[in-house]
Amino acid sequence: MQTNNKLLEIFSDIIEGKIVKRAKHELLFEGNNVTELFIDSLRRHHYLPMTVGEIPIEPSERIPAFIIEQHTAYFGWVFWEKFSQLRLRKLFGTVIRNTKGDWFIQLPANSTKIIYADTSQIFQIDIDRPFEL
């Protein structure tokens, strides 16, 4: 019980991103997969399971989200990528990048994969530079 409480505290730090950098987090503790406990913590922090296409977001906004692959949680953003004045696409992209500099994991709006997003946290962005703060 005490271990679960400590893990929930650590997960809160990861999810909030104030003390721990949100990036890639292995969900193993002492050889045990704690993914379900992390998902429970996500729900407690208003991160709900949905697809990218289900997330209501405007082109000048981004929303924090996590995707869980096996026993690893990856943090990223749901946002609109601008190619030109007429061509945009909504996607989820991790903050972790691959060797080419692209998002390590990216999901388009038509993906059926589940991510956990907090749609109450909407951040305004410059669509021409979505990841500059």
C-alpha atoms as a PDB file:
ATOM      1  CA  MET A   1       0.000   0.000   0.000  1.00  0.00           C
ATOM      2  CA  GLN A   2       2.790   2.442   0.930  1.00  0.00           C
ATOM      3  CA  THR A   3       4.613   1.520  -2.281  1.00  0.00           C
ATOM      4  CA  ASN A   4       1.515   2.316  -4.355  1.00  0.00           C
ATOM      5  CA  ASN A   5       1.147   5.682  -2.630  1.00  0.00           C
ATOM      6  CA  LYS A   6       4.790   6.516  -3.297  1.00  0.00           C
ATOM      7  CA  LEU A   7       4.420   5.440  -6.945  1.00  0.00           C
ATOM      8  CA  LEU A   8       1.289   7.594  -7.300  1.00  0.00           C
ATOM      9  CA  GLU A   9       3.275  10.537  -5.931  1.00  0.00           C
ATOM     10  CA  ILE A  10       6.067   9.904  -8.438  1.00  0.00           C
ATOM     11  CA  PHE A  11       3.540   9.492 -11.257  1.00  0.00           C
ATOM     12  CA  SER A  12       1.929  12.809 -10.275  1.00  0.00           C
ATOM     13  CA  ASP A  13       5.319  14.479 -10.614  1.00  0.00           C
ATOM     14  CA  ILE A  14       5.750  12.939 -14.081  1.00  0.00           C
ATOM     15  CA  ILE A  15       2.237  13.832 -15.237  1.00  0.00           C
ATOM     16  CA  GLU A  16       2.383  17.409 -13.965  1.00  0.00           C
ATOM     17  CA  GLY A  17       5.857  17.917 -15.418  1.00  0.00           C
ATOM     18  CA  LYS A  18       6.849  20.458 -12.768  1.00  0.00           C
ATOM     19  CA  ILE A  19       9.529  18.481 -10.923  1.00  0.00           C
ATOM     20  CA  VAL A  20      10.203  15.674 -13.400  1.00  0.00           C
ATOM     21  CA  LYS A  21      10.700  16.288 -17.107  1.00  0.00           C
ATOM     22  CA  ARG A  22       7.907  14.699 -19.101  1.00  0.00           C
ATOM     23  CA  ALA A  23       9.518  12.576 -21.793  1.00  0.00           C
ATOM     24  CA  LYS A  24       9.967   8.784 -21.766  1.00  0.00           C
ATOM     25  CA  HIS A  25       9.286   6.830 -18.574  1.00  0.00           C
ATOM     26  CA  GLU A  26       9.648   3.090 -18.047  1.00  0.00           C
ATOM     27  CA  LEU A  27       6.707   1.756 -16.079  1.00  0.00           C
ATOM     28  CA  LEU A  28       8.580  -1.019 -14.287  1.00  0.00           C
ATOM     29  CA  PHE A  29       9.211  -1.003 -10.559  1.00  0.00           C
ATOM     30  CA  GLU A  30      11.259  -3.758  -8.934  1.00  0.00           C
ATOM     31  CA  GLY A  31      10.584  -5.957 -11.950  1.00  0.00           C
ATOM     32  CA  ASN A  32       6.817  -5.366 -11.887  1.00  0.00           C
ATOM     33  CA  ASN A  33       4.823  -3.681 -14.630  1.00  0.00           C
ATOM     34  CA  VAL A  34       3.020  -0.707 -13.027  1.00  0.00           C
ATOM     35  CA  THR A  35       1.309   0.481 -16.216  1.00  0.00           C
ATOM     36  CA  GLU A  36      -2.205   0.100 -14.804  1.00  0.00           C
ATOM     37  CA  LEU A  37      -1.281   2.203 -11.781  1.00  0.00           C
ATOM     38  CA  PHE A  38       0.137   4.877 -14.106  1.00  0.00           C
ATOM     39  CA  ILE A  39      -3.087   4.840 -16.172  1.00  0.00           C
ATOM     40  CA  ASP A  40      -5.073   5.213 -12.947  1.00  0.00           C
ATOM     41  CA  SER A  41      -2.914   8.212 -12.057  1.00  0.00           C
ATOM     42  CA  LEU A  42      -3.450   9.701 -15.526  1.00  0.00           C
ATOM     43  CA  ARG A  43      -7.216   9.463 -15.035  1.00  0.00           C
ATOM     44  CA  ARG A  44      -6.922  11.125 -11.619  1.00  0.00           C
ATOM     45  CA  HIS A  45      -5.149  14.016 -13.362  1.00  0.00           C
ATOM     46  CA  HIS A  46      -7.923  14.317 -15.991  1.00  0.00           C
ATOM     47  CA  TYR A  47      -6.020  12.548 -18.786  1.00  0.00           C
ATOM     48  CA  LEU A  48      -8.692  10.539 -20.548  1.00  0.00           C
ATOM     49  CA  PRO A  49      -8.327   7.773 -23.121  1.00  0.00           C
ATOM     50  CA  MET A  50      -9.180   8.911 -26.639  1.00  0.00           C
ATOM     51  CA  THR A  51      -7.893   8.983 -30.181  1.00  0.00           C
ATOM     52  CA  VAL A  52      -6.185  11.975 -31.761  1.00  0.00           C
ATOM     53  CA  GLY A  53      -9.235  12.506 -33.972  1.00  0.00           C
ATOM     54  CA  GLU A  54     -11.537  12.779 -30.942  1.00  0.00           C
ATOM     55  CA  ILE A  55      -9.579  15.611 -29.351  1.00  0.00           C
ATOM     56  CA  PRO A  56     -11.172  19.040 -29.838  1.00  0.00           C
ATOM     57  CA  ILE A  57      -8.347  21.404 -30.682  1.00  0.00           C
ATOM     58  CA  GLU A  58      -7.887  24.438 -32.901  1.00  0.00           C
ATOM     59  CA  PRO A  59      -4.836  25.017 -35.124  1.00  0.00           C
ATOM     60  CA  SER A  60      -3.385  27.590 -32.701  1.00  0.00           C
ATOM     61  CA  GLU A  61      -3.535  25.227 -29.692  1.00  0.00           C
ATOM     62  CA  ARG A  62      -1.823  22.191 -28.257  1.00  0.00           C
ATOM     63  CA  ILE A  63      -2.899  19.719 -25.585  1.00  0.00           C
ATOM     64  CA  PRO A  64      -0.652  17.511 -23.410  1.00  0.00           C
ATOM     65  CA  ALA A  65      -0.963  13.757 -23.834  1.00  0.00           C
ATOM     66  CA  PHE A  66       0.720  10.442 -23.102  1.00  0.00           C
ATOM     67  CA  ILE A  67       0.875   7.278 -25.153  1.00  0.00           C
ATOM     68  CA  ILE A  68       1.736   3.983 -23.549  1.00  0.00           C
ATOM     69  CA  GLU A  69       3.675   1.444 -25.582  1.00  0.00           C
ATOM     70  CA  GLN A  70       4.208  -1.864 -23.790  1.00  0.00           C
ATOM     71  CA  HIS A  71       5.464  -0.736 -20.370  1.00  0.00           C
ATOM     72  CA  THR A  72       6.725   2.708 -21.393  1.00  0.00           C
ATOM     73  CA  ALA A  73       4.911   6.046 -21.202  1.00  0.00           C
ATOM     74  CA  TYR A  74       5.830   8.722 -23.742  1.00  0.00           C
ATOM     75  CA  PHE A  75       4.797  12.336 -23.275  1.00  0.00           C
ATOM     76  CA  GLY A  76       3.847  14.471 -26.229  1.00  0.00           C
ATOM     77  CA  TRP A  77       1.418  17.001 -27.612  1.00  0.00           C
ATOM     78  CA  VAL A  78      -1.664  16.952 -29.791  1.00  0.00           C
ATOM     79  CA  PHE A  79      -1.472  19.873 -32.191  1.00  0.00           C
ATOM     80  CA  TRP A  80      -1.909  20.918 -35.794  1.00  0.00           C
ATOM     81  CA  GLU A  81       1.133  20.746 -38.034  1.00  0.00           C
ATOM     82  CA  LYS A  82       1.202  23.420 -40.722  1.00  0.00           C
ATOM     83  CA  PHE A  83       2.625  22.574 -44.131  1.00  0.00           C
ATOM     84  CA  SER A  84       1.257  25.613 -45.969  1.00  0.00           C
ATOM     85  CA  GLN A  85      -1.545  28.162 -45.632  1.00  0.00           C
ATOM     86  CA  LEU A  86      -3.963  25.580 -47.053  1.00  0.00           C
ATOM     87  CA  ARG A  87      -2.574  22.333 -45.692  1.00  0.00           C
ATOM     88  CA  LEU A  88      -2.709  21.359 -42.010  1.00  0.00           C
ATOM     89  CA  ARG A  89      -2.883  18.054 -40.174  1.00  0.00           C
ATOM     90  CA  LYS A  90      -3.763  17.233 -36.596  1.00  0.00           C
ATOM     91  CA  LEU A  91      -1.411  14.814 -34.871  1.00  0.00           C
ATOM     92  CA  PHE A  92       0.137  13.553 -31.662  1.00  0.00           C
ATOM     93  CA  GLY A  93       3.922  13.825 -31.521  1.00  0.00           C
ATOM     94  CA  THR A  94       6.215  12.799 -28.684  1.00  0.00           C
ATOM     95  CA  VAL A  95       8.758  15.176 -27.245  1.00  0.00           C
ATOM     96  CA  ILE A  96      11.287  12.383 -27.757  1.00  0.00           C
ATOM     97  CA  ARG A  97      12.761  12.557 -31.249  1.00  0.00           C
ATOM     98  CA  ASN A  98      14.206   9.879 -33.509  1.00  0.00           C
ATOM     99  CA  THR A  99      17.646  10.043 -35.147  1.00  0.00           C
ATOM    100  CA  LYS A 100      16.217  12.085 -38.043  1.00  0.00           C
ATOM    101  CA  GLY A 101      14.822  14.687 -35.650  1.00  0.00           C
ATOM    102  CA  ASP A 102      11.188  13.666 -36.200  1.00  0.00           C
ATOM    103  CA  TRP A 103       8.804  12.696 -33.413  1.00  0.00           C
ATOM    104  CA  PHE A 104       9.756   9.253 -32.096  1.00  0.00           C
ATOM    105  CA  ILE A 105       6.057   8.377 -32.116  1.00  0.00           C
ATOM    106  CA  GLN A 106       3.546  10.298 -34.161  1.00  0.00           C
ATOM    107  CA  LEU A 107      -0.108   9.503 -34.686  1.00  0.00           C
ATOM    108  CA  PRO A 108      -2.320  11.166 -37.285  1.00  0.00           C
ATOM    109  CA  ALA A 109      -5.945  12.099 -36.653  1.00  0.00           C
ATOM    110  CA  ASN A 110      -7.204   8.899 -38.301  1.00  0.00           C
ATOM    111  CA  SER A 111      -5.189   6.621 -35.997  1.00  0.00           C
ATOM    112  CA  THR A 112      -7.208   4.260 -33.813  1.00  0.00           C
ATOM    113  CA  LYS A 113      -4.491   4.078 -31.137  1.00  0.00           C
ATOM    114  CA  ILE A 114      -5.486   5.321 -27.710  1.00  0.00           C
ATOM    115  CA  ILE A 115      -3.627   8.175 -26.068  1.00  0.00           C
ATOM    116  CA  TYR A 116      -4.380   9.826 -22.730  1.00  0.00           C
ATOM    117  CA  ALA A 117      -5.009  13.546 -23.116  1.00  0.00           C
ATOM    118  CA  ASP A 118      -6.048  16.321 -20.769  1.00  0.00           C
ATOM    119  CA  THR A 119      -8.348  18.445 -22.902  1.00  0.00           C
ATOM    120  CA  SER A 120      -8.753  20.954 -20.055  1.00  0.00           C
ATOM    121  CA  GLN A 121      -5.123  22.033 -20.541  1.00  0.00           C
ATOM    122  CA  ILE A 122      -5.142  24.008 -23.756  1.00  0.00           C
ATOM    123  CA  PHE A 123      -2.009  25.968 -24.548  1.00  0.00           C
ATOM    124  CA  GLN A 124      -1.907  28.689 -27.183  1.00  0.00           C
ATOM    125  CA  ILE A 125       0.900  28.302 -29.733  1.00  0.00           C
ATOM    126  CA  ASP A 126       2.273  29.924 -32.828  1.00  0.00           C
ATOM    127  CA  ILE A 127       1.234  27.427 -35.505  1.00  0.00           C
ATOM    128  CA  ASP A 128       4.330  28.277 -37.527  1.00  0.00           C
ATOM    129  CA  ARG A 129       6.514  27.315 -34.550  1.00  0.00           C
ATOM    130  CA  PRO A 130       4.435  24.887 -32.429  1.00  0.00           C
ATOM    131  CA  PHE A 131       7.217  23.792 -30.081  1.00  0.00           C
ATOM    132  CA  GLU A 132       8.811  27.125 -29.228  1.00  0.00           C
ATOM    133  CA  LEU A 133       7.896  28.368 -25.779  1.00  0.00           C
END
